[in-house]
Protein backbone atom coordinates (compact mmCIF):
# COMPACT_ATOMS: atom_id res chain seq x y z
CA MET A 1 -0.01 -0.02 0.05
CA ALA A 2 1.10 3.56 -0.59
CA SER A 3 1.93 5.75 2.52
CA SER A 4 -0.51 8.31 3.64
CA ASP A 5 -0.18 11.90 5.00
CA TRP A 6 -0.81 12.41 8.58
CA ALA A 7 -1.92 15.38 10.57
CA THR A 8 -0.91 15.89 14.29
CA LYS A 9 -4.04 16.10 16.40
CA ASP A 10 -4.32 16.13 20.18
CA PHE A 11 -8.09 15.81 20.94
CA TYR A 12 -7.43 16.22 24.66
CA GLN A 13 -5.87 19.67 24.01
CA VAL A 14 -8.76 20.54 21.71
CA LEU A 15 -11.39 19.90 24.50
CA GLY A 16 -8.87 21.41 27.21
CA VAL A 17 -8.83 18.28 29.35
CA GLY A 18 -6.11 15.86 30.61
CA LYS A 19 -5.59 12.27 29.37
CA ASP A 20 -7.15 11.05 32.58
CA ALA A 21 -10.32 13.00 32.19
CA SER A 22 -13.54 11.30 33.20
CA ALA A 23 -16.25 10.86 30.72
CA ASP A 24 -18.39 13.56 32.68
CA ASP A 25 -15.32 15.95 32.37
CA ILE A 26 -15.20 15.31 28.68
CA LYS A 27 -18.88 15.95 28.19
CA LYS A 28 -18.83 19.17 30.28
CA ALA A 29 -15.71 20.59 28.35
CA TYR A 30 -17.55 19.73 25.00
CA ARG A 31 -20.85 21.30 25.93
CA LYS A 32 -19.08 24.37 27.13
CA LEU A 33 -17.05 24.84 23.89
CA ALA A 34 -19.73 23.68 21.62
CA ARG A 35 -22.15 26.26 23.08
CA ALA A 36 -19.51 29.14 22.67
CA ASN A 37 -18.58 28.16 18.99
CA HIS A 38 -21.84 26.64 17.61
CA PRO A 39 -22.68 28.14 14.14
CA ASP A 40 -26.14 29.03 15.18
CA SER A 41 -24.99 31.17 18.00
CA ARG A 42 -22.17 32.86 15.91
CA PRO A 43 -23.42 33.04 12.47
CA GLY A 44 -20.81 34.08 9.87
CA ASP A 45 -17.87 33.37 12.19
CA LYS A 46 -15.48 31.19 10.09
CA GLN A 47 -13.01 30.82 12.83
CA ALA A 48 -15.85 29.75 15.30
CA GLU A 49 -17.15 27.25 12.65
CA GLU A 50 -13.83 25.68 12.39
CA ARG A 51 -13.28 25.41 16.07
CA PHE A 52 -16.73 23.80 16.28
CA LYS A 53 -15.63 21.09 13.71
CA SER A 54 -12.42 20.47 15.69
CA ILE A 55 -14.32 20.14 19.04
CA SER A 56 -17.11 17.83 17.48
CA GLU A 57 -14.38 15.71 15.87
CA ALA A 58 -12.55 15.46 19.26
CA TYR A 59 -15.69 14.70 21.15
CA ALA A 60 -16.82 11.95 18.70
CA VAL A 61 -13.66 10.08 19.49
CA LEU A 62 -13.15 10.74 23.38
CA SER A 63 -16.88 10.25 24.07
CA SER A 64 -16.72 6.58 22.70
CA PRO A 65 -14.95 4.19 25.23
CA ASP A 66 -13.92 1.97 22.30
CA LYS A 67 -12.62 4.91 20.08
CA ARG A 68 -10.89 6.46 23.01
CA LYS A 69 -9.00 3.33 23.73
CA GLU A 70 -7.89 2.86 20.33
CA TYR A 71 -6.91 6.64 20.00
CA ASP A 72 -4.90 6.27 23.34
CA GLU A 73 -3.16 3.25 22.10
CA GLN A 74 -2.08 5.03 18.88
CA ARG A 75 -0.77 8.04 20.78
CA SER A 76 1.28 5.72 22.99
CA LEU A 77 2.52 4.00 19.85
CA PHE A 78 3.74 7.17 18.45
CA GLY A 79 5.07 8.70 21.78
CA GLY A 80 2.04 10.78 22.51
CA ALA A 81 1.46 12.42 19.16
CA PHE A 82 0.63 11.38 15.65
CA PRO A 83 3.68 12.09 13.25
CA PRO A 84 3.32 14.41 10.30
CA GLY A 85 4.51 13.38 6.91
CA GLY A 86 4.77 9.72 5.46
CA GLY A 87 2.72 6.76 6.57
CA PHE A 88 3.69 3.62 8.56
CA ARG A 89 3.82 0.05 7.47
CA PHE A 90 3.72 -3.01 9.85
CA PRO A 91 4.59 -6.55 9.02
CA GLY A 92 2.03 -9.19 8.72
CA GLY A 93 -0.29 -7.58 6.29
CA GLY A 94 -0.83 -7.89 2.55
CA GLY A 95 1.12 -6.27 -0.21
CA ALA A 96 4.90 -5.77 0.21
CA GLY A 97 5.01 -7.54 3.50
CA GLY A 98 2.80 -5.16 5.59
CA PHE A 99 -0.42 -2.96 6.05
CA ASP A 100 -0.82 0.69 6.14
CA ILE A 101 -1.61 2.33 9.36
CA SER A 102 -4.54 4.29 7.81
CA ASP A 103 -6.40 0.90 7.57
CA LEU A 104 -6.00 0.62 11.32
CA LEU A 105 -7.44 4.11 11.97
CA GLY A 106 -9.99 4.02 9.14
CA GLY A 107 -12.68 2.25 11.55
CA MET A 108 -11.52 4.23 14.50
CA PHE A 109 -12.42 7.53 12.84
CA GLY A 110 -15.49 6.49 10.96
CA GLY A 111 -13.49 5.94 7.61
CA GLY A 112 -15.02 2.54 7.14
CA GLN A 113 -18.18 1.52 5.73
CA ARG A 114 -21.27 3.14 7.32
CA THR A 115 -24.30 1.33 8.45
CA ARG A 116 -27.60 2.79 8.28
CA THR A 117 -28.96 3.82 11.61
CA THR A 118 -32.30 5.29 12.93
CA ALA A 119 -32.60 8.66 14.75
CA GLN A 120 -31.33 8.31 18.27
CA PRO A 121 -32.98 9.61 21.37
CA ARG A 122 -31.37 12.85 22.67
CA ARG A 123 -31.31 13.86 26.41
CA GLY A 124 -32.69 17.12 27.20
CA ALA A 125 -30.64 19.99 28.24
CA ASP A 126 -29.80 21.03 31.84
CA VAL A 127 -31.51 24.09 33.09
CA GLU A 128 -30.00 26.36 35.65
CA THR A 129 -31.87 28.70 37.96
CA GLU A 130 -31.24 30.58 41.35
CA ALA A 131 -33.27 30.79 44.67
CA SER A 132 -32.92 33.16 47.43
CA ILE A 133 -33.92 32.04 50.93
CA SER A 134 -33.72 33.21 54.48
CA PHE A 135 -31.02 32.13 57.03
CA ALA A 136 -33.67 30.31 59.03
CA GLN A 137 -34.98 28.52 56.11
CA ALA A 138 -31.51 27.38 55.03
CA VAL A 139 -30.93 25.91 58.49
CA ALA A 140 -34.39 24.14 58.69
CA GLY A 141 -34.85 23.39 54.93
CA VAL A 142 -37.77 24.81 52.87
CA THR A 143 -39.83 24.17 49.75
CA VAL A 144 -39.98 27.05 47.40
CA PRO A 145 -41.97 27.61 44.12
CA LEU A 146 -39.54 28.36 41.12
CA ARG A 147 -40.98 29.81 37.83
CA MET A 148 -39.16 27.87 35.11
CA THR A 149 -38.74 28.84 31.54
CA SER A 150 -37.18 26.05 29.33
CA ASP A 151 -36.85 24.37 26.06
CA SER A 152 -39.46 21.64 25.55
CA ALA A 153 -41.13 19.62 22.91
CA CYS A 154 -43.53 21.68 20.77
CA SER A 155 -47.07 21.08 21.87
CA SER A 156 -48.51 21.16 18.34
CA CYS A 157 -46.21 18.61 16.52
CA HIS A 158 -45.26 16.94 19.80
CA GLY A 159 -41.55 17.37 19.14
CA THR A 160 -41.38 15.94 15.67
CA GLY A 161 -41.10 19.16 13.90
CA ALA A 162 -43.50 18.16 11.23
CA ARG A 163 -46.90 19.53 10.47
CA ALA A 164 -49.67 17.50 11.93
CA GLY A 165 -50.47 14.57 9.62
CA THR A 166 -47.03 14.16 8.42
CA VAL A 167 -43.88 12.69 9.93
CA PRO A 168 -40.12 13.46 9.44
CA ARG A 169 -37.90 11.00 7.72
CA VAL A 170 -34.43 9.84 8.52
CA CYS A 171 -31.67 12.26 7.04
CA PRO A 172 -30.26 10.61 3.98
CA ASN A 173 -26.94 12.39 4.40
CA CYS A 174 -26.07 11.19 7.90
CA GLU A 175 -28.60 8.19 8.07
CA GLY A 176 -30.00 9.29 11.25
CA SER A 177 -26.92 9.51 13.17
CA GLY A 178 -26.93 13.47 13.24
CA MET A 179 -23.12 13.62 12.45
CA GLN A 180 -21.36 13.43 9.00
CA THR A 181 -17.83 12.48 8.31
CA SER A 182 -15.57 13.95 5.72
CA THR A 183 -11.93 13.11 4.90
CA SER A 184 -9.17 15.79 5.64
CA GLY A 185 -5.90 15.25 3.82
CA GLY A 186 -6.88 11.81 2.63
CA VAL A 187 -6.47 10.20 5.90
CA PHE A 188 -8.11 11.64 8.92
CA ALA A 189 -12.02 11.80 9.09
CA LEU A 190 -13.46 14.86 10.35
CA THR A 191 -16.72 14.31 12.31
CA GLU A 192 -19.21 17.20 12.67
CA PRO A 193 -22.90 17.81 12.96
CA CYS A 194 -24.77 16.94 9.66
CA THR A 195 -25.26 20.04 7.70
CA GLN A 196 -28.45 18.84 6.10
CA CYS A 197 -30.23 17.99 9.43
CA ARG A 198 -28.32 20.12 11.70
CA GLY A 199 -27.61 17.29 14.06
CA ARG A 200 -31.10 16.13 14.61
CA GLY A 201 -30.90 12.97 12.37
CA LEU A 202 -34.28 13.59 10.80
CA VAL A 203 -35.39 15.83 7.85
CA VAL A 204 -38.83 17.57 7.90
CA ASP A 205 -40.38 18.22 4.56
CA ASP A 206 -43.49 19.87 5.72
CA PRO A 207 -42.50 21.92 8.89
CA CYS A 208 -44.79 22.58 11.76
CA PRO A 209 -46.13 26.11 11.49
CA VAL A 210 -45.69 26.71 15.26
CA CYS A 211 -42.04 25.75 15.79
CA LEU A 212 -40.98 26.11 12.21
CA GLY A 213 -39.67 22.54 11.98
CA SER A 214 -37.39 22.68 14.99
CA GLY A 215 -39.53 20.37 17.19
CA ARG A 216 -38.99 22.74 20.24
CA ALA A 217 -40.70 25.35 22.05
CA THR A 218 -40.32 27.59 25.06
CA SER A 219 -42.55 26.52 28.07
CA SER A 220 -43.10 28.06 31.30
CA ARG A 221 -43.99 26.10 34.51
CA THR A 222 -43.91 26.57 38.19
CA MET A 223 -42.17 23.83 40.26
CA GLN A 224 -42.11 23.24 43.90
CA VAL A 225 -38.41 22.66 44.91
CA ARG A 226 -37.21 21.28 48.15
CA ILE A 227 -34.30 22.85 49.48
CA PRO A 228 -32.70 20.47 51.91
CA ALA A 229 -31.82 21.44 55.57
CA GLY A 230 -28.25 22.73 56.23
CA VAL A 231 -27.89 24.08 52.62
CA LYS A 232 -25.07 26.68 52.52
CA ASP A 233 -24.90 29.95 50.67
CA GLY A 234 -23.81 29.47 47.01
CA GLN A 235 -24.46 25.76 47.01
CA ARG A 236 -25.81 24.32 43.90
CA ILE A 237 -28.45 21.46 44.10
CA ARG A 238 -29.07 19.11 41.25
CA LEU A 239 -32.44 17.77 40.68
CA ARG A 240 -32.18 14.69 38.26
CA GLY A 241 -34.85 14.84 35.50
CA LYS A 242 -36.24 18.23 36.17
CA GLY A 243 -34.68 19.94 33.24
CA ALA A 244 -35.63 20.39 29.72
CA SER A 245 -37.54 17.47 27.90
CA GLY A 246 -35.55 15.03 25.90
CA GLU A 247 -36.07 14.30 22.14
CA ARG A 248 -37.27 11.23 20.55
CA GLY A 249 -37.93 9.46 23.93
CA GLY A 250 -34.73 10.65 25.39
CA PRO A 251 -34.50 11.37 29.22
CA ALA A 252 -35.12 15.02 30.48
CA GLY A 253 -32.07 16.92 31.60
CA ASP A 254 -31.41 18.14 35.15
CA LEU A 255 -32.42 21.32 37.11
CA LEU A 256 -29.41 22.98 38.72
CA VAL A 257 -30.53 25.46 41.55
CA THR A 258 -27.84 27.66 43.01
CA VAL A 259 -29.01 28.77 46.51
CA HIS A 260 -28.52 32.30 47.91
CA VAL A 261 -28.87 32.53 51.75
CA ASP A 262 -29.72 35.82 53.22
CA PRO A 263 -27.49 36.88 56.30
CA HIS A 264 -29.13 36.87 59.79
CA ALA A 265 -29.29 39.80 62.10
CA LEU A 266 -27.93 37.82 65.02
CA PHE A 267 -26.60 34.37 64.07
CA GLY A 268 -23.71 33.40 61.88
CA ARG A 269 -22.66 29.92 60.67
CA ARG A 270 -19.46 28.02 60.94
CA GLY A 271 -19.90 24.62 59.09
CA ASP A 272 -22.74 22.77 61.01
CA ASN A 273 -22.46 25.23 63.98
CA LEU A 274 -24.29 28.39 64.42
CA THR A 275 -22.45 31.38 66.10
CA LEU A 276 -23.90 34.05 68.30
CA THR A 277 -22.21 36.96 70.08
CA VAL A 278 -23.77 37.85 73.48
CA PRO A 279 -22.81 40.96 75.43
CA VAL A 280 -22.21 40.52 79.22
CA THR A 281 -21.61 43.18 81.93
CA ILE A 282 -18.33 43.73 83.90
CA ASP A 283 -19.70 42.31 87.01
CA GLU A 284 -21.31 39.17 85.30
CA ALA A 285 -17.94 38.43 83.67
CA ALA A 286 -15.94 38.94 86.92
CA LEU A 287 -18.36 37.32 89.52
CA GLY A 288 -19.98 34.94 87.23
CA ALA A 289 -23.76 34.74 86.27
CA GLU A 290 -26.49 32.74 84.50
CA ILE A 291 -27.67 34.53 81.55
CA THR A 292 -30.47 33.58 78.99
CA VAL A 293 -29.50 33.61 75.30
CA PRO A 294 -31.77 33.15 72.21
CA THR A 295 -31.78 30.22 69.72
CA LEU A 296 -32.67 30.33 66.10
CA ASP A 297 -35.74 27.91 66.64
CA GLY A 298 -36.97 30.67 69.20
CA THR A 299 -36.50 28.60 72.36
CA PRO A 300 -34.03 30.55 74.89
CA VAL A 301 -31.54 28.57 76.83
CA ARG A 302 -29.72 29.37 80.02
CA LEU A 303 -25.98 29.67 80.02
CA LYS A 304 -23.77 29.72 82.99
CA ILE A 305 -20.82 32.21 82.92
CA PRO A 306 -18.22 31.10 85.40
CA PRO A 307 -16.39 33.86 87.41
CA GLY A 308 -13.23 35.37 85.83
CA THR A 309 -14.72 34.91 82.25
CA PRO A 310 -12.34 36.80 79.78
CA ASN A 311 -13.72 38.80 76.85
CA GLY A 312 -13.96 36.67 73.74
CA ARG A 313 -14.53 33.32 75.49
CA THR A 314 -16.79 30.95 73.57
CA PHE A 315 -19.35 28.59 75.06
CA ARG A 316 -21.01 25.49 73.25
CA VAL A 317 -24.62 24.84 73.62
CA ARG A 318 -25.08 21.33 72.14
CA GLY A 319 -27.77 20.49 69.60
CA LYS A 320 -28.78 23.98 68.72
CA GLY A 321 -26.93 24.30 65.43
CA SER A 322 -27.69 23.37 61.84
CA PRO A 323 -28.81 19.91 60.80
CA ARG A 324 -26.03 17.53 59.47
CA LYS A 325 -26.51 14.99 56.63
CA ASP A 326 -26.98 12.18 59.38
CA GLY A 327 -29.70 14.06 60.84
CA ILE A 328 -27.82 15.21 64.01
CA ARG A 329 -27.70 18.94 64.63
CA GLY A 330 -24.67 20.93 65.15
CA ASP A 331 -24.01 23.23 68.01
CA LEU A 332 -24.46 26.94 68.95
CA LEU A 333 -21.34 28.57 69.80
CA VAL A 334 -21.97 31.65 72.08
CA THR A 335 -18.98 34.14 72.33
CA VAL A 336 -19.21 36.62 75.19
CA GLU A 337 -18.41 40.27 74.72
CA ILE A 338 -17.90 42.56 77.65
CA ALA A 339 -20.00 45.54 77.48
CA VAL A 340 -18.44 48.62 78.80
CA PRO A 341 -21.05 51.39 79.68
CA SER A 342 -20.57 54.73 77.87
CA ARG A 343 -22.46 56.35 80.93
CA LEU A 344 -22.47 55.71 84.56
CA SER A 345 -24.65 56.69 87.38
CA LYS A 346 -23.20 58.37 90.38
CA GLU A 347 -23.89 55.19 92.39
CA ALA A 348 -22.08 53.06 89.64
CA GLU A 349 -19.14 55.57 89.37
CA SER A 350 -18.46 55.40 93.17
CA ALA A 351 -18.56 51.72 93.09
CA LEU A 352 -15.90 51.53 90.38
CA GLU A 353 -13.83 53.97 92.19
CA ALA A 354 -14.03 51.81 95.28
CA TYR A 355 -13.08 48.92 93.28
CA ARG A 356 -10.12 50.72 91.91
CA THR A 357 -9.02 51.51 95.52
CA ALA A 358 -9.43 48.00 96.52
CA ARG A 359 -7.41 46.67 93.56
CA GLY A 360 -4.46 48.42 94.74
CA ASP A 361 -1.35 48.27 92.69
CA ASP A 362 -2.36 45.09 90.60
CA ASP A 363 -1.30 46.10 87.15
CA PRO A 364 -2.64 43.67 84.50
CA ARG A 365 -0.02 45.35 82.02
CA ALA A 366 3.06 44.62 83.96
CA ARG A 367 3.83 41.45 82.22
CA LEU A 368 3.88 43.14 78.84
CA PHE A 369 6.95 45.28 79.85
CA SER A 370 8.92 42.18 81.15
CA ALA A 371 8.08 40.16 78.11
CA ALA A 372 9.25 42.97 75.91
CA VAL A 373 12.76 42.90 77.36
C-alpha cells in the first residue's frame, strides 16, 4: 500500500482536558465549547465554525470508550502525538509485507463503511436557576416555588417538527446519526454535525407552523423545589430529570439550583454550627452569672458564665446548630463580649472608684514590659 499523509491532532488539548479526564469531564468540556462556538450562536464567524468542527471531531472520539481506547493506544505507539509526513507500515499484512496504518485508523475515525441507523434519542438540556432563601430556611430546609422557562417539545407537533398528519424522515445524508464524516488530507476523518439536518438526524419536508420545524418550543412552568436542611450559601443543588425535556424519547435534563442565603441579624454559621455574640456586663464576667441567650428556633436557653470569664470566650450549647446529613444537629457557639457602659450613674461610678482603690497596685499590663525585654 502507498503511504499516507498524517496530521498531528491532540483531541485532549482541543477539549482542554487531561488524558485522565472522566467521561463527565469530557462531556462538560464539550458542551461548554460547543455552546460558545456553535454556528447558530455565531453566524458568519468562520473561525468559530472551524473550532466547532474540531471540537465535534474530538468529542466524537473521546466520548466513545472504544474509540478513545484505540486513540490512546495509537498516541502511546507514536510517543504521545501522531507523526506528520509519511505513513507507516507494519509486517504481517498484505502487499509488500505489511499493512498501512491508515487501515487501522479507518474504522476508528469513521472512515470505514457506514451502516444505516435510525434517529437516536437525545437527552434534554440541563436548566440552571437561582433561589434566595432566609437564614432560618437554610438551616431548617424549605420548599420554594420556582418559575421555570425552558426548552421543551412543541405542543403542536409533539417534538417531531413536522406538520400534523406528516412525519419526518431519516436524514439521507447522515442516515439518522446526526453526524457526518468528511476526509481531511486523505487520512483523517472529520466528524461534525450533519449540515442537512443540523444534528437532529431527521429531515422535515413539511414543517410545523408553530415551531417552524425545530420540534422545540419555550415553555413556562412553576415547580415546587425542596431545599434541604443545612444548605449553604452558594451551594448548587442538582435535581435529576427536572430540566428540559428530551427528544425522541430521550431522558429529561437536570435542574441545577444555586441557593443564595440571606444573612441573619444575630446568628452566623461555621460549618454545621451556628454562632452568636452575646454581651455581658463587667460584673457578670468578673463574678459569674447565669444568663439567657436566644436560639434560632425561638426557644431561649440558660448559659452559665463562670467567675473570671475573659472577653471573647466561647461557650458551646449542644444540639442548637444546623442539621447535618446524618440528621444530628450541630451546636450553637456563644461568644461573650464584655459591654463597657458609656455612661455611669453616680452610684455606679462610686462603686467602680471603690473597686479601683481595693484593687491596689495590681497592674494587668506589668507582664507586657517584662516580656518585651
